[in-house]
Amino acid sequence: MRSISRSKGGSGSQPVKALRSSVLNLLGMHGHDQKTIDEAFYQFGKYLKDKTAVAPDLLSPALSLVTFNGGKKEYNELLELWKSAREFSELVSNLLLLR
């Protein structure tokens, strides 16, 4: 994830972006790849400070991995994201992470 995220992940066609997101999810959730998980937490921290700091195709796997691997602190941070959502799509996305 680190080499992908350092380039902001924004390059590539839509199928490439979708594949990248799926691979990162698989590495972190099923492969338990600690480097991928650590990078997801790093990207989550960046996102909390600046909502534009993480490319959209990297945000979804990062948030999913933090939700899956995080603790009470991360849950509360995600809860605050849900409470502060300004758009309906953001509200729904954040709510799905909390389930």
N, C-alpha and C. Protein backbone atom coordinates (compact mmCIF):
# COMPACT_ATOMS: atom_id res chain seq x y z
N MET A 1 0.83 -1.19 0.00
CA MET A 1 0.00 0.00 0.00
C MET A 1 0.87 1.25 0.00
N ARG A 2 1.99 1.18 0.66
CA ARG A 2 2.84 2.36 0.78
C ARG A 2 3.26 2.89 -0.58
N SER A 3 3.78 2.02 -1.46
CA SER A 3 4.22 2.52 -2.76
C SER A 3 3.05 3.02 -3.59
N ILE A 4 1.90 2.41 -3.42
CA ILE A 4 0.71 2.88 -4.14
C ILE A 4 0.24 4.20 -3.58
N SER A 5 0.19 4.31 -2.25
CA SER A 5 -0.37 5.50 -1.63
C SER A 5 0.56 6.70 -1.74
N ARG A 6 1.82 6.49 -1.83
CA ARG A 6 2.75 7.62 -1.93
C ARG A 6 2.55 8.38 -3.24
N SER A 7 2.04 7.68 -4.23
CA SER A 7 1.76 8.35 -5.50
C SER A 7 0.34 8.89 -5.54
N LYS A 8 -0.32 8.92 -4.38
CA LYS A 8 -1.71 9.33 -4.20
C LYS A 8 -2.69 8.37 -4.86
N GLY A 9 -2.21 7.34 -5.51
CA GLY A 9 -3.09 6.31 -6.02
C GLY A 9 -4.01 6.74 -7.14
N GLY A 10 -3.92 7.98 -7.56
CA GLY A 10 -4.87 8.50 -8.52
C GLY A 10 -4.62 8.12 -9.96
N SER A 11 -3.49 7.53 -10.25
CA SER A 11 -3.18 7.22 -11.64
C SER A 11 -3.82 5.91 -12.05
N GLY A 12 -4.10 5.80 -13.33
CA GLY A 12 -4.67 4.57 -13.86
C GLY A 12 -6.12 4.73 -14.24
N SER A 13 -6.58 3.78 -15.04
CA SER A 13 -7.97 3.78 -15.47
C SER A 13 -8.87 3.33 -14.33
N GLN A 14 -10.15 3.47 -14.51
CA GLN A 14 -11.10 3.07 -13.46
C GLN A 14 -10.97 1.58 -13.11
N PRO A 15 -10.82 0.68 -14.10
CA PRO A 15 -10.63 -0.73 -13.73
C PRO A 15 -9.35 -0.96 -12.92
N VAL A 16 -8.28 -0.23 -13.23
CA VAL A 16 -7.03 -0.37 -12.48
C VAL A 16 -7.23 0.11 -11.04
N LYS A 17 -7.94 1.23 -10.88
CA LYS A 17 -8.21 1.75 -9.53
C LYS A 17 -9.05 0.76 -8.73
N ALA A 18 -10.04 0.17 -9.35
CA ALA A 18 -10.90 -0.81 -8.66
C ALA A 18 -10.09 -2.04 -8.27
N LEU A 19 -9.23 -2.48 -9.16
CA LEU A 19 -8.38 -3.64 -8.87
C LEU A 19 -7.42 -3.32 -7.72
N ARG A 20 -6.84 -2.12 -7.76
CA ARG A 20 -5.91 -1.71 -6.70
C ARG A 20 -6.61 -1.74 -5.34
N SER A 21 -7.81 -1.21 -5.29
CA SER A 21 -8.59 -1.20 -4.05
C SER A 21 -8.87 -2.62 -3.56
N SER A 22 -9.26 -3.49 -4.47
CA SER A 22 -9.55 -4.89 -4.11
C SER A 22 -8.31 -5.62 -3.60
N VAL A 23 -7.18 -5.41 -4.27
CA VAL A 23 -5.94 -6.07 -3.86
C VAL A 23 -5.53 -5.61 -2.47
N LEU A 24 -5.64 -4.31 -2.20
CA LEU A 24 -5.27 -3.80 -0.87
C LEU A 24 -6.18 -4.39 0.21
N ASN A 25 -7.47 -4.47 -0.08
CA ASN A 25 -8.39 -5.09 0.88
C ASN A 25 -8.03 -6.55 1.13
N LEU A 26 -7.73 -7.29 0.07
CA LEU A 26 -7.36 -8.70 0.21
C LEU A 26 -6.07 -8.87 1.00
N LEU A 27 -5.07 -8.03 0.70
CA LEU A 27 -3.80 -8.11 1.42
C LEU A 27 -3.99 -7.87 2.92
N GLY A 28 -4.78 -6.87 3.25
CA GLY A 28 -4.96 -6.52 4.64
C GLY A 28 -5.91 -7.40 5.40
N MET A 29 -7.04 -7.73 4.79
CA MET A 29 -8.08 -8.49 5.50
C MET A 29 -7.82 -9.99 5.51
N HIS A 30 -7.45 -10.53 4.38
CA HIS A 30 -7.30 -11.98 4.29
C HIS A 30 -5.84 -12.42 4.35
N GLY A 31 -4.95 -11.55 3.86
CA GLY A 31 -3.53 -11.88 3.91
C GLY A 31 -2.87 -11.44 5.20
N HIS A 32 -3.57 -10.61 5.96
CA HIS A 32 -3.05 -10.08 7.23
C HIS A 32 -1.66 -9.48 7.05
N ASP A 33 -1.45 -8.81 5.91
CA ASP A 33 -0.17 -8.19 5.61
C ASP A 33 0.02 -6.95 6.49
N GLN A 34 0.95 -7.04 7.43
CA GLN A 34 1.11 -5.98 8.43
C GLN A 34 1.54 -4.65 7.81
N LYS A 35 2.36 -4.70 6.76
CA LYS A 35 2.77 -3.44 6.11
C LYS A 35 1.56 -2.73 5.50
N THR A 36 0.67 -3.49 4.90
CA THR A 36 -0.54 -2.91 4.31
C THR A 36 -1.44 -2.34 5.40
N ILE A 37 -1.58 -3.05 6.49
CA ILE A 37 -2.40 -2.59 7.61
C ILE A 37 -1.81 -1.33 8.23
N ASP A 38 -0.50 -1.33 8.45
CA ASP A 38 0.16 -0.14 9.01
C ASP A 38 -0.02 1.07 8.11
N GLU A 39 0.10 0.86 6.82
CA GLU A 39 -0.07 1.97 5.88
C GLU A 39 -1.52 2.46 5.88
N ALA A 40 -2.47 1.56 6.06
CA ALA A 40 -3.87 1.96 6.15
C ALA A 40 -4.08 2.89 7.35
N PHE A 41 -3.48 2.56 8.47
CA PHE A 41 -3.58 3.42 9.65
C PHE A 41 -2.92 4.77 9.40
N TYR A 42 -1.80 4.77 8.69
CA TYR A 42 -1.13 6.02 8.33
C TYR A 42 -2.04 6.88 7.44
N GLN A 43 -2.64 6.27 6.44
CA GLN A 43 -3.53 6.99 5.53
C GLN A 43 -4.76 7.50 6.29
N PHE A 44 -5.26 6.72 7.23
CA PHE A 44 -6.40 7.13 8.05
C PHE A 44 -6.05 8.38 8.85
N GLY A 45 -4.86 8.41 9.42
CA GLY A 45 -4.41 9.59 10.15
C GLY A 45 -4.34 10.81 9.26
N LYS A 46 -3.83 10.63 8.05
CA LYS A 46 -3.78 11.74 7.08
C LYS A 46 -5.19 12.22 6.75
N TYR A 47 -6.10 11.29 6.56
CA TYR A 47 -7.48 11.62 6.20
C TYR A 47 -8.17 12.40 7.32
N LEU A 48 -7.90 12.03 8.56
CA LEU A 48 -8.51 12.74 9.69
C LEU A 48 -8.07 14.20 9.73
N LYS A 49 -6.84 14.47 9.30
CA LYS A 49 -6.31 15.84 9.30
C LYS A 49 -6.76 16.63 8.08
N ASP A 50 -6.85 15.94 6.95
CA ASP A 50 -7.18 16.61 5.68
C ASP A 50 -7.95 15.63 4.80
N LYS A 51 -9.21 15.88 4.59
CA LYS A 51 -10.08 14.96 3.84
C LYS A 51 -9.67 14.79 2.38
N THR A 52 -8.80 15.67 1.88
CA THR A 52 -8.36 15.56 0.49
C THR A 52 -6.98 14.92 0.36
N ALA A 53 -6.39 14.50 1.47
CA ALA A 53 -5.01 14.00 1.46
C ALA A 53 -4.87 12.58 0.93
N VAL A 54 -5.98 11.85 0.87
CA VAL A 54 -5.92 10.45 0.44
C VAL A 54 -6.79 10.28 -0.80
N ALA A 55 -6.23 9.65 -1.83
CA ALA A 55 -6.98 9.43 -3.07
C ALA A 55 -8.21 8.57 -2.79
N PRO A 56 -9.32 8.88 -3.45
CA PRO A 56 -10.56 8.14 -3.20
C PRO A 56 -10.44 6.62 -3.37
N ASP A 57 -9.66 6.18 -4.34
CA ASP A 57 -9.54 4.73 -4.54
C ASP A 57 -8.69 4.06 -3.46
N LEU A 58 -7.95 4.84 -2.67
CA LEU A 58 -7.19 4.30 -1.55
C LEU A 58 -7.92 4.48 -0.22
N LEU A 59 -8.85 5.42 -0.20
CA LEU A 59 -9.56 5.71 1.04
C LEU A 59 -10.42 4.54 1.48
N SER A 60 -11.15 3.96 0.56
CA SER A 60 -12.05 2.86 0.91
C SER A 60 -11.30 1.69 1.55
N PRO A 61 -10.22 1.18 0.94
CA PRO A 61 -9.53 0.07 1.60
C PRO A 61 -8.87 0.50 2.91
N ALA A 62 -8.37 1.74 2.98
CA ALA A 62 -7.75 2.20 4.22
C ALA A 62 -8.77 2.23 5.35
N LEU A 63 -9.94 2.79 5.09
CA LEU A 63 -10.98 2.85 6.13
C LEU A 63 -11.46 1.45 6.51
N SER A 64 -11.60 0.58 5.54
CA SER A 64 -12.03 -0.79 5.84
C SER A 64 -11.02 -1.52 6.71
N LEU A 65 -9.74 -1.36 6.40
CA LEU A 65 -8.71 -2.03 7.18
C LEU A 65 -8.60 -1.47 8.59
N VAL A 66 -8.77 -0.16 8.73
CA VAL A 66 -8.74 0.44 10.06
C VAL A 66 -9.95 -0.04 10.86
N THR A 67 -11.10 -0.12 10.23
CA THR A 67 -12.30 -0.61 10.90
C THR A 67 -12.10 -2.05 11.37
N PHE A 68 -11.54 -2.86 10.51
CA PHE A 68 -11.34 -4.28 10.80
C PHE A 68 -10.27 -4.52 11.87
N ASN A 69 -9.21 -3.70 11.86
CA ASN A 69 -8.06 -3.93 12.74
C ASN A 69 -7.95 -2.95 13.90
N GLY A 70 -8.78 -1.92 13.90
CA GLY A 70 -8.68 -0.90 14.92
C GLY A 70 -9.34 -1.29 16.24
N GLY A 71 -9.19 -0.38 17.18
CA GLY A 71 -9.77 -0.59 18.50
C GLY A 71 -10.79 0.50 18.82
N LYS A 72 -10.95 0.75 20.10
CA LYS A 72 -11.94 1.72 20.56
C LYS A 72 -11.62 3.13 20.07
N LYS A 73 -10.34 3.49 20.06
CA LYS A 73 -9.93 4.82 19.60
C LYS A 73 -10.36 5.05 18.15
N GLU A 74 -10.07 4.10 17.29
CA GLU A 74 -10.42 4.23 15.88
C GLU A 74 -11.93 4.21 15.69
N TYR A 75 -12.62 3.39 16.48
CA TYR A 75 -14.08 3.36 16.39
C TYR A 75 -14.65 4.74 16.71
N ASN A 76 -14.15 5.36 17.77
CA ASN A 76 -14.63 6.69 18.14
C ASN A 76 -14.30 7.74 17.09
N GLU A 77 -13.15 7.60 16.44
CA GLU A 77 -12.80 8.53 15.36
C GLU A 77 -13.73 8.34 14.17
N LEU A 78 -14.05 7.09 13.86
CA LEU A 78 -15.00 6.82 12.77
C LEU A 78 -16.40 7.33 13.13
N LEU A 79 -16.78 7.19 14.38
CA LEU A 79 -18.06 7.70 14.85
C LEU A 79 -18.13 9.22 14.67
N GLU A 80 -17.05 9.91 14.97
CA GLU A 80 -17.00 11.36 14.77
C GLU A 80 -17.09 11.73 13.29
N LEU A 81 -16.46 10.92 12.44
CA LEU A 81 -16.58 11.15 10.99
C LEU A 81 -18.03 11.03 10.55
N TRP A 82 -18.72 10.03 11.09
CA TRP A 82 -20.14 9.85 10.76
C TRP A 82 -20.95 11.04 11.22
N LYS A 83 -20.72 11.47 12.45
CA LYS A 83 -21.47 12.59 13.01
C LYS A 83 -21.22 13.90 12.26
N SER A 84 -20.02 14.05 11.73
CA SER A 84 -19.67 15.30 11.07
C SER A 84 -19.85 15.26 9.55
N ALA A 85 -20.40 14.16 9.02
CA ALA A 85 -20.59 14.03 7.57
C ALA A 85 -21.48 15.15 7.05
N ARG A 86 -21.08 15.72 5.93
CA ARG A 86 -21.83 16.82 5.32
C ARG A 86 -22.66 16.39 4.13
N GLU A 87 -22.29 15.29 3.54
CA GLU A 87 -23.01 14.79 2.37
C GLU A 87 -23.64 13.44 2.71
N PHE A 88 -24.76 13.17 2.07
CA PHE A 88 -25.47 11.92 2.34
C PHE A 88 -24.60 10.70 2.04
N SER A 89 -23.88 10.72 0.94
CA SER A 89 -23.04 9.57 0.57
C SER A 89 -21.96 9.33 1.63
N GLU A 90 -21.40 10.40 2.17
CA GLU A 90 -20.39 10.29 3.21
C GLU A 90 -21.02 9.73 4.50
N LEU A 91 -22.22 10.18 4.80
CA LEU A 91 -22.95 9.70 5.97
C LEU A 91 -23.17 8.20 5.87
N VAL A 92 -23.64 7.73 4.73
CA VAL A 92 -23.93 6.31 4.53
C VAL A 92 -22.64 5.50 4.57
N SER A 93 -21.60 5.97 3.90
CA SER A 93 -20.32 5.25 3.88
C SER A 93 -19.76 5.08 5.28
N ASN A 94 -19.79 6.16 6.06
CA ASN A 94 -19.27 6.11 7.42
C ASN A 94 -20.14 5.24 8.32
N LEU A 95 -21.42 5.26 8.11
CA LEU A 95 -22.32 4.42 8.90
C LEU A 95 -22.06 2.94 8.63
N LEU A 96 -21.82 2.59 7.36
CA LEU A 96 -21.53 1.19 7.01
C LEU A 96 -20.24 0.71 7.67
N LEU A 97 -19.29 1.60 7.86
CA LEU A 97 -18.04 1.22 8.52
C LEU A 97 -18.28 0.89 9.98
N LEU A 98 -19.25 1.53 10.59
CA LEU A 98 -19.49 1.37 12.02
C LEU A 98 -20.29 0.12 12.37
N ARG A 99 -20.90 -0.50 11.38
CA ARG A 99 -21.77 -1.64 11.69
C ARG A 99 -21.02 -2.82 12.22
